[in-house]
Amino acid sequence: MNKKILIATGIYPPEIGGPATHSKKIAEILSDNLYDVCVVTYSDKNQYDFDGRLKYKLIRIARSNKIFNYINYFFALVKNVRNYDFIYAFDYFSTGLPAFLVCKLFRKKLVIRIGGDFLWEQYLDNSNGETLKDYYNLKHYKQSYIKFIIIKLILRNSDKIIFTTNFQKNIFQQFYKINKKNIIVIENPIFLDRYYIEESKLVKNKNIVFAGRMKNKNNLERLLKIFLEMGDIDFNLLLIGDGPIKNKLKDIIKNKKNIKIYDGVLGSDLLNNYFKNARAVILPSYTDISPNTALECISLGLPFIMTKEHGFDWMKNYILEFDPKDDNQIKDAINKIMDDRFCLEYIKIIRNINCEYDSHKFVEKNLQLFNNL
């Protein structure tokens, strides 16, 4: 009998971000391997035109206020969980909390995949920028201590916890005291086949692109401030995505001609309309635990610059990093990428990165996990 899996995710395409990309990919992998799959997600709309073409069931919970979001999500899980063997949640709180309660009520198994940190990101919504490591080492999680205790309860009582990097696993083991037997690391792979953009065409591009959620965690106000200070340069900054600070960012740039903000788009449109016309991609987050965008850039041979606090240790000796709280380092990285000679050399370095962990190994690890539950 084929297993039936209910996937609980906070975001799903056309929204941009790791959970959106990977929940969709996992759902496709499982459906292709004859699993019965249902995806429940928060969403800006009840439905999109492409939803009906999916191989699996997709339920969108339209966002309202936070309390109703949780209530509506909880009841969507309650309504559907009887037909499924276990819940696979893509974070530990916004989907993990309702999933945990439902699994306890209906005696279902719970798997939680952690590639971000809700508590830290919520802290950044109301404070100055801070990296993930500093957030825990400075014990700022104690400002949300009740939530911290709830999360600790959820993580310690889940059947499996999947981390995407050892970087985050080590932090969580230290502070949440999770049983090692319940932990597995399944890294994010490069899903796209290597498709390199021609170097001479790439260097002619004048767009520096950010794609992702527009929230404080991604350090976008600092990025705009730096780009505005650079004056009238022959390059454009394009921000693509949606999120709670989008209107605030629009107010900051006003009518600045070389800074544009666009709505989130599907992966293929992002690739064809923006990445293939970019000089480079920038990932300015305070911490980027396992950025899928960086992997997509490697698959395209596309230069990218990013925060130095991330979980991809295997690429640290190759890529151009910066301290996300140091304006001069960020500005210096942007200036380097705008230099044609440097950019050509950097393209060669990016294209020599050896990423041995591919989508086939990723699929094997996930299927082995699901089959053993």
Protein backbone atom coordinates (compact mmCIF):
# COMPACT_ATOMS: atom_id res chain seq x y z
CA MET A 1 0.00 0.00 0.00
CA ASN A 2 1.37 3.41 -0.98
CA LYS A 3 1.95 5.85 1.84
CA LYS A 4 -0.13 8.98 2.14
CA ILE A 5 1.63 12.18 3.18
CA LEU A 6 0.15 15.51 4.23
CA ILE A 7 2.66 18.33 3.63
CA ALA A 8 2.23 21.46 5.75
CA THR A 9 4.11 24.51 4.45
CA GLY A 10 4.04 28.21 5.25
CA ILE A 11 4.63 29.35 1.68
CA TYR A 12 4.21 27.80 -1.75
CA PRO A 13 4.70 29.15 -5.32
CA PRO A 14 4.21 31.76 -6.64
CA GLU A 15 5.79 32.98 -3.39
CA ILE A 16 9.58 32.82 -3.41
CA GLY A 17 11.67 31.14 -0.73
CA GLY A 18 13.20 27.84 0.32
CA PRO A 19 10.04 26.31 1.86
CA ALA A 20 8.04 27.19 -1.26
CA THR A 21 10.61 25.65 -3.60
CA HIS A 22 11.18 22.51 -1.55
CA SER A 23 7.60 21.78 -0.52
CA LYS A 24 6.67 21.85 -4.22
CA LYS A 25 9.65 19.70 -5.18
CA ILE A 26 9.02 17.16 -2.40
CA ALA A 27 5.35 16.94 -3.40
CA GLU A 28 6.37 16.29 -7.02
CA ILE A 29 8.96 13.67 -6.04
CA LEU A 30 6.50 11.81 -3.84
CA SER A 31 3.73 11.97 -6.45
CA ASP A 32 6.11 10.62 -9.11
CA ASN A 33 6.90 7.74 -6.73
CA LEU A 34 3.19 6.92 -6.34
CA TYR A 35 2.68 8.51 -2.94
CA ASP A 36 -0.70 10.08 -2.24
CA VAL A 37 0.12 13.72 -1.42
CA CYS A 38 -1.80 16.71 -0.12
CA VAL A 39 -0.19 20.12 0.45
CA VAL A 40 -1.68 22.68 2.86
CA THR A 41 -0.22 26.19 2.68
CA TYR A 42 -0.79 29.74 3.78
CA SER A 43 -1.34 31.98 0.76
CA ASP A 44 -2.22 35.49 -0.37
CA LYS A 45 -5.04 34.04 -2.49
CA ASN A 46 -7.43 31.10 -2.18
CA GLN A 47 -6.39 29.78 -5.57
CA TYR A 48 -4.12 30.41 -8.56
CA ASP A 49 -4.74 29.37 -12.16
CA PHE A 50 -1.97 26.74 -12.18
CA ASP A 51 -3.23 24.96 -9.03
CA GLY A 52 -5.59 22.75 -11.04
CA ARG A 53 -2.74 21.36 -13.13
CA LEU A 54 -0.87 19.84 -10.20
CA LYS A 55 -0.51 16.07 -9.72
CA TYR A 56 -1.52 16.33 -6.07
CA LYS A 57 -4.11 18.05 -3.90
CA LEU A 58 -3.29 21.63 -2.87
CA ILE A 59 -5.21 23.55 -0.19
CA ARG A 60 -4.51 27.26 0.22
CA ILE A 61 -5.41 29.09 3.44
CA ALA A 62 -5.83 32.76 2.57
CA ARG A 63 -4.03 34.98 5.08
CA SER A 64 -6.00 37.34 7.30
CA ASN A 65 -4.82 38.12 10.84
CA LYS A 66 -2.39 35.84 12.68
CA ILE A 67 -4.92 34.24 15.04
CA PHE A 68 -7.35 33.35 12.25
CA ASN A 69 -4.45 32.11 10.11
CA TYR A 70 -3.56 29.52 12.75
CA ILE A 71 -7.20 28.57 13.39
CA ASN A 72 -8.01 28.14 9.69
CA TYR A 73 -4.80 26.20 9.10
CA PHE A 74 -5.48 23.93 12.09
CA PHE A 75 -8.97 23.05 10.85
CA ALA A 76 -7.70 22.44 7.30
CA LEU A 77 -5.31 19.86 8.77
CA VAL A 78 -8.05 18.37 10.95
CA LYS A 79 -10.34 18.02 7.93
CA ASN A 80 -7.73 16.15 5.87
CA VAL A 81 -5.39 14.33 8.27
CA ARG A 82 -7.58 11.21 8.66
CA ASN A 83 -6.76 10.26 5.07
CA TYR A 84 -2.97 10.47 5.53
CA ASP A 85 -0.30 8.48 7.39
CA PHE A 86 1.74 11.40 8.71
CA ILE A 87 2.33 15.14 8.45
CA TYR A 88 5.50 16.60 7.02
CA ALA A 89 5.75 20.21 8.29
CA PHE A 90 8.14 22.72 6.73
CA ASP A 91 8.77 24.75 9.87
CA TYR A 92 8.42 24.26 13.59
CA PHE A 93 5.87 26.96 14.46
CA SER A 94 3.61 28.53 11.84
CA THR A 95 2.87 25.08 10.40
CA GLY A 96 4.63 22.94 13.02
CA LEU A 97 2.43 24.05 15.92
CA PRO A 98 -0.95 23.25 14.29
CA ALA A 99 0.57 20.08 12.81
CA PHE A 100 1.83 19.01 16.25
CA LEU A 101 -1.59 19.51 17.84
CA VAL A 102 -3.36 17.65 15.05
CA CYS A 103 -0.90 14.74 15.18
CA LYS A 104 -1.42 14.39 18.92
CA LEU A 105 -5.20 14.48 18.52
CA PHE A 106 -5.27 11.89 15.74
CA ARG A 107 -2.19 9.87 16.78
CA LYS A 108 -0.33 10.54 13.56
CA LYS A 109 3.43 10.77 13.12
CA LEU A 110 5.05 14.16 12.62
CA VAL A 111 8.17 15.04 10.62
CA ILE A 112 9.44 18.63 10.81
CA ARG A 113 11.86 20.06 8.30
CA ILE A 114 13.83 23.08 9.55
CA GLY A 115 15.59 25.35 7.07
CA GLY A 116 14.85 28.65 8.81
CA ASP A 117 14.06 29.97 12.26
CA PHE A 118 10.64 31.49 12.98
CA LEU A 119 11.60 32.74 16.45
CA TRP A 120 14.70 34.58 15.21
CA GLU A 121 12.90 36.03 12.19
CA GLN A 122 10.05 37.27 14.39
CA TYR A 123 12.60 38.90 16.69
CA LEU A 124 14.11 40.73 13.70
CA ASP A 125 10.68 42.12 12.77
CA ASN A 126 10.89 44.38 15.82
CA SER A 127 14.61 44.91 16.41
CA ASN A 128 17.92 45.81 14.84
CA GLY A 129 19.59 43.28 12.59
CA GLU A 130 21.17 40.28 14.25
CA THR A 131 22.61 37.01 12.96
CA LEU A 132 21.19 33.67 13.99
CA LYS A 133 24.30 32.74 15.99
CA ASP A 134 24.22 36.01 17.92
CA TYR A 135 20.50 35.66 18.60
CA TYR A 136 21.07 32.42 20.50
CA ASN A 137 24.47 33.18 22.02
CA LEU A 138 23.17 36.48 23.41
CA LYS A 139 20.08 34.61 24.69
CA HIS A 140 17.65 36.95 22.99
CA TYR A 141 15.32 33.99 22.50
CA LYS A 142 14.39 34.55 26.16
CA GLN A 143 12.41 37.60 25.06
CA SER A 144 9.95 35.07 23.59
CA TYR A 145 10.47 32.48 26.28
CA ILE A 146 6.95 31.00 26.22
CA LYS A 147 7.23 30.42 22.48
CA PHE A 148 10.70 29.00 22.99
CA ILE A 149 9.32 26.47 25.49
CA ILE A 150 6.45 25.55 23.12
CA ILE A 151 8.92 25.04 20.26
CA LYS A 152 11.16 22.95 22.49
CA LEU A 153 8.13 20.78 23.37
CA ILE A 154 7.23 20.37 19.68
CA LEU A 155 10.77 19.47 18.59
CA ARG A 156 11.39 17.04 21.42
CA ASN A 157 8.11 15.22 20.73
CA SER A 158 8.29 14.97 16.94
CA ASP A 159 9.14 11.66 15.27
CA LYS A 160 11.85 13.11 13.03
CA ILE A 161 13.55 16.49 12.70
CA ILE A 162 15.14 17.22 9.33
CA PHE A 163 17.83 19.91 9.18
CA THR A 164 19.19 21.21 5.90
CA THR A 165 22.64 22.04 7.34
CA ASN A 166 24.88 20.93 10.18
CA PHE A 167 25.26 24.65 10.94
CA GLN A 168 21.67 24.95 12.18
CA LYS A 169 21.52 21.43 13.59
CA ASN A 170 24.39 22.22 15.96
CA ILE A 171 22.72 25.42 17.19
CA PHE A 172 19.38 23.69 17.79
CA GLN A 173 20.90 20.67 19.49
CA GLN A 174 22.62 22.99 21.93
CA PHE A 175 19.63 25.16 22.81
CA TYR A 176 16.60 22.88 22.27
CA LYS A 177 18.17 19.65 23.56
CA ILE A 178 16.73 17.46 20.79
CA ASN A 179 17.35 13.72 20.92
CA LYS A 180 20.11 12.89 18.41
CA LYS A 181 18.23 9.74 17.36
CA ASN A 182 15.40 11.87 15.99
CA ILE A 183 17.65 14.11 13.88
CA ILE A 184 18.57 13.67 10.23
CA VAL A 185 20.41 16.11 7.94
CA ILE A 186 19.12 16.23 4.37
CA GLU A 187 20.91 18.98 2.47
CA ASN A 188 19.32 21.05 -0.26
CA PRO A 189 20.55 19.91 -3.69
CA ILE A 190 20.91 21.64 -7.03
CA PHE A 191 17.63 20.74 -8.74
CA LEU A 192 18.33 22.47 -12.05
CA ASP A 193 20.51 20.89 -14.72
CA ARG A 194 23.64 22.92 -15.29
CA TYR A 195 22.74 25.52 -17.88
CA TYR A 196 25.46 28.14 -18.13
CA ILE A 197 24.72 31.59 -19.46
CA GLU A 198 27.28 32.68 -22.05
CA GLU A 199 30.02 34.65 -20.25
CA SER A 200 30.21 37.53 -22.73
CA LYS A 201 26.43 37.99 -22.60
CA LEU A 202 26.38 37.77 -18.81
CA VAL A 203 29.03 40.48 -18.34
CA LYS A 204 26.98 42.87 -20.50
CA ASN A 205 24.06 42.62 -18.07
CA LYS A 206 23.55 45.58 -15.73
CA ASN A 207 21.07 44.10 -13.24
CA ILE A 208 21.87 43.03 -9.68
CA VAL A 209 18.95 40.90 -8.45
CA PHE A 210 17.48 39.94 -5.10
CA ALA A 211 14.69 37.35 -5.05
CA GLY A 212 12.93 36.28 -1.88
CA ARG A 213 10.63 37.34 0.96
CA MET A 214 10.63 41.06 1.70
CA LYS A 215 11.10 41.00 5.46
CA ASN A 216 13.62 42.36 7.94
CA LYS A 217 15.55 39.10 8.10
CA ASN A 218 16.73 39.70 4.54
CA ASN A 219 18.42 43.02 5.34
CA LEU A 220 16.83 44.84 2.41
CA GLU A 221 16.59 48.31 3.95
CA ARG A 222 20.35 48.31 4.43
CA LEU A 223 20.83 47.14 0.84
CA LEU A 224 18.63 49.96 -0.52
CA LYS A 225 20.44 52.54 1.63
CA ILE A 226 23.81 51.38 0.29
CA PHE A 227 22.62 51.38 -3.32
CA LEU A 228 21.13 54.86 -2.95
CA GLU A 229 24.43 56.13 -1.49
CA MET A 230 26.26 54.83 -4.56
CA GLY A 231 24.53 57.54 -6.60
CA ASP A 232 23.98 57.46 -10.35
CA ILE A 233 25.70 54.26 -11.36
CA ASP A 234 25.27 52.31 -14.56
CA PHE A 235 23.62 49.36 -12.79
CA ASN A 236 20.10 48.48 -11.65
CA LEU A 237 18.99 46.84 -8.42
CA LEU A 238 15.93 44.61 -8.87
CA LEU A 239 14.02 43.28 -5.86
CA ILE A 240 11.60 40.45 -6.67
CA GLY A 241 9.14 39.00 -4.21
CA ASP A 242 6.47 39.81 -1.68
CA GLY A 243 6.34 40.29 2.06
CA PRO A 244 5.41 42.54 4.99
CA ILE A 245 7.93 45.35 4.32
CA LYS A 246 7.36 45.62 0.57
CA ASN A 247 5.46 48.93 0.75
CA LYS A 248 8.06 50.34 3.14
CA LEU A 249 10.79 49.52 0.62
CA LYS A 250 8.80 51.21 -2.14
CA ASP A 251 8.58 54.35 -0.03
CA ILE A 252 12.36 54.32 0.50
CA ILE A 253 13.21 54.23 -3.20
CA LYS A 254 10.42 56.59 -4.29
CA ASN A 255 11.17 57.40 -7.95
CA LYS A 256 14.75 56.17 -8.08
CA LYS A 257 15.07 54.97 -11.69
CA ASN A 258 17.71 52.29 -11.20
CA ILE A 259 15.96 50.50 -8.31
CA LYS A 260 12.85 48.48 -9.14
CA ILE A 261 10.58 46.30 -7.01
CA TYR A 262 8.56 43.52 -8.64
CA ASP A 263 6.01 40.97 -7.45
CA GLY A 264 7.00 37.37 -6.78
CA VAL A 265 6.99 35.08 -9.81
CA LEU A 266 7.13 31.35 -10.47
CA GLY A 267 10.54 29.69 -10.62
CA SER A 268 10.64 29.39 -14.42
CA ASP A 269 9.71 33.07 -14.86
CA LEU A 270 12.29 34.12 -12.28
CA LEU A 271 14.91 32.15 -14.17
CA ASN A 272 14.01 33.31 -17.66
CA ASN A 273 12.99 36.91 -17.01
CA TYR A 274 15.40 37.96 -14.27
CA PHE A 275 18.31 35.60 -13.53
CA LYS A 276 19.27 35.18 -17.19
CA ASN A 277 19.37 38.97 -17.52
CA ALA A 278 21.38 39.56 -14.33
CA ARG A 279 25.01 40.47 -13.79
CA ALA A 280 24.76 38.89 -10.35
CA VAL A 281 22.39 37.88 -7.56
CA ILE A 282 22.74 39.30 -4.05
CA LEU A 283 21.74 37.52 -0.83
CA PRO A 284 22.12 40.17 1.91
CA SER A 285 20.34 38.33 4.77
CA TYR A 286 21.74 38.51 8.28
CA THR A 287 21.89 34.71 8.13
CA ASP A 288 20.98 32.51 5.18
CA ILE A 289 20.90 28.97 6.51
CA SER A 290 20.58 27.02 3.26
CA PRO A 291 19.82 29.46 0.44
CA ASN A 292 18.27 27.71 -2.53
CA THR A 293 18.96 30.80 -4.65
CA ALA A 294 22.72 30.25 -4.28
CA LEU A 295 22.32 26.70 -5.59
CA GLU A 296 20.31 27.96 -8.56
CA CYS A 297 23.06 30.48 -9.32
CA ILE A 298 25.68 27.70 -9.33
CA SER A 299 23.55 25.71 -11.77
CA LEU A 300 23.49 28.75 -14.08
CA GLY A 301 27.13 29.69 -13.58
CA LEU A 302 25.78 33.04 -12.40
CA PRO A 303 27.83 35.18 -9.97
CA PHE A 304 26.31 35.81 -6.55
CA ILE A 305 27.40 37.66 -3.43
CA MET A 306 26.10 36.78 -0.01
CA THR A 307 26.25 37.02 3.75
CA LYS A 308 29.15 35.23 5.38
CA GLU A 309 26.85 33.48 7.88
CA HIS A 310 25.34 30.55 6.01
CA GLY A 311 25.33 26.78 6.24
CA PHE A 312 27.08 25.90 2.97
CA ASP A 313 30.60 25.35 4.29
CA TRP A 314 31.62 23.57 1.08
CA MET A 315 31.35 26.79 -0.96
CA LYS A 316 32.97 29.25 1.48
CA ASN A 317 36.40 29.16 -0.21
CA TYR A 318 34.93 30.06 -3.59
CA ILE A 319 32.31 32.77 -3.18
CA LEU A 320 32.34 36.49 -2.46
CA GLU A 321 30.97 36.99 1.07
CA PHE A 322 30.40 40.03 3.29
CA ASP A 323 29.51 40.87 6.85
CA PRO A 324 25.76 41.65 6.59
CA LYS A 325 26.05 44.38 9.24
CA ASP A 326 29.02 46.14 7.61
CA ASP A 327 27.93 48.67 4.97
CA ASN A 328 31.47 49.03 3.61
CA GLN A 329 31.85 45.28 3.04
CA ILE A 330 28.51 45.08 1.22
CA LYS A 331 29.38 48.13 -0.91
CA ASP A 332 32.82 46.68 -1.69
CA ALA A 333 31.27 43.38 -2.83
CA ILE A 334 28.82 45.25 -5.10
CA ASN A 335 31.63 47.36 -6.59
CA LYS A 336 33.67 44.23 -7.29
CA ILE A 337 30.80 42.52 -9.07
CA MET A 338 30.26 45.63 -11.21
CA ASP A 339 33.88 45.46 -12.41
CA ASP A 340 33.96 43.54 -15.72
CA ARG A 341 37.41 42.02 -15.21
CA PHE A 342 36.63 40.83 -11.69
CA CYS A 343 33.25 39.50 -12.81
CA LEU A 344 34.77 37.38 -15.58
CA GLU A 345 37.25 35.83 -13.15
CA TYR A 346 34.51 35.23 -10.60
CA ILE A 347 32.32 33.49 -13.20
CA LYS A 348 35.13 30.98 -13.77
CA ILE A 349 35.40 30.35 -10.02
CA ILE A 350 31.64 29.83 -9.68
CA ARG A 351 31.66 27.39 -12.58
CA ASN A 352 34.43 25.34 -10.99
CA ILE A 353 32.51 24.73 -7.76
CA ASN A 354 32.04 20.99 -7.40
CA CYS A 355 28.66 20.23 -5.87
CA GLU A 356 28.64 16.45 -5.47
CA TYR A 357 25.32 16.32 -3.66
CA ASP A 358 22.72 16.23 -6.43
CA SER A 359 18.95 15.82 -6.71
CA HIS A 360 19.23 12.01 -7.06
CA LYS A 361 20.88 11.68 -3.63
CA PHE A 362 18.33 14.11 -2.22
CA VAL A 363 15.46 11.98 -3.53
CA GLU A 364 17.05 8.80 -2.16
CA LYS A 365 17.46 10.27 1.33
CA ASN A 366 13.87 11.52 1.45
CA LEU A 367 12.32 8.31 0.15
CA GLN A 368 14.37 6.27 2.60
CA LEU A 369 13.12 8.45 5.45
CA PHE A 370 9.48 8.20 4.39
CA ASN A 371 9.63 4.46 3.77
CA ASN A 372 11.09 3.86 7.25
CA LEU A 373 8.43 5.85 9.11
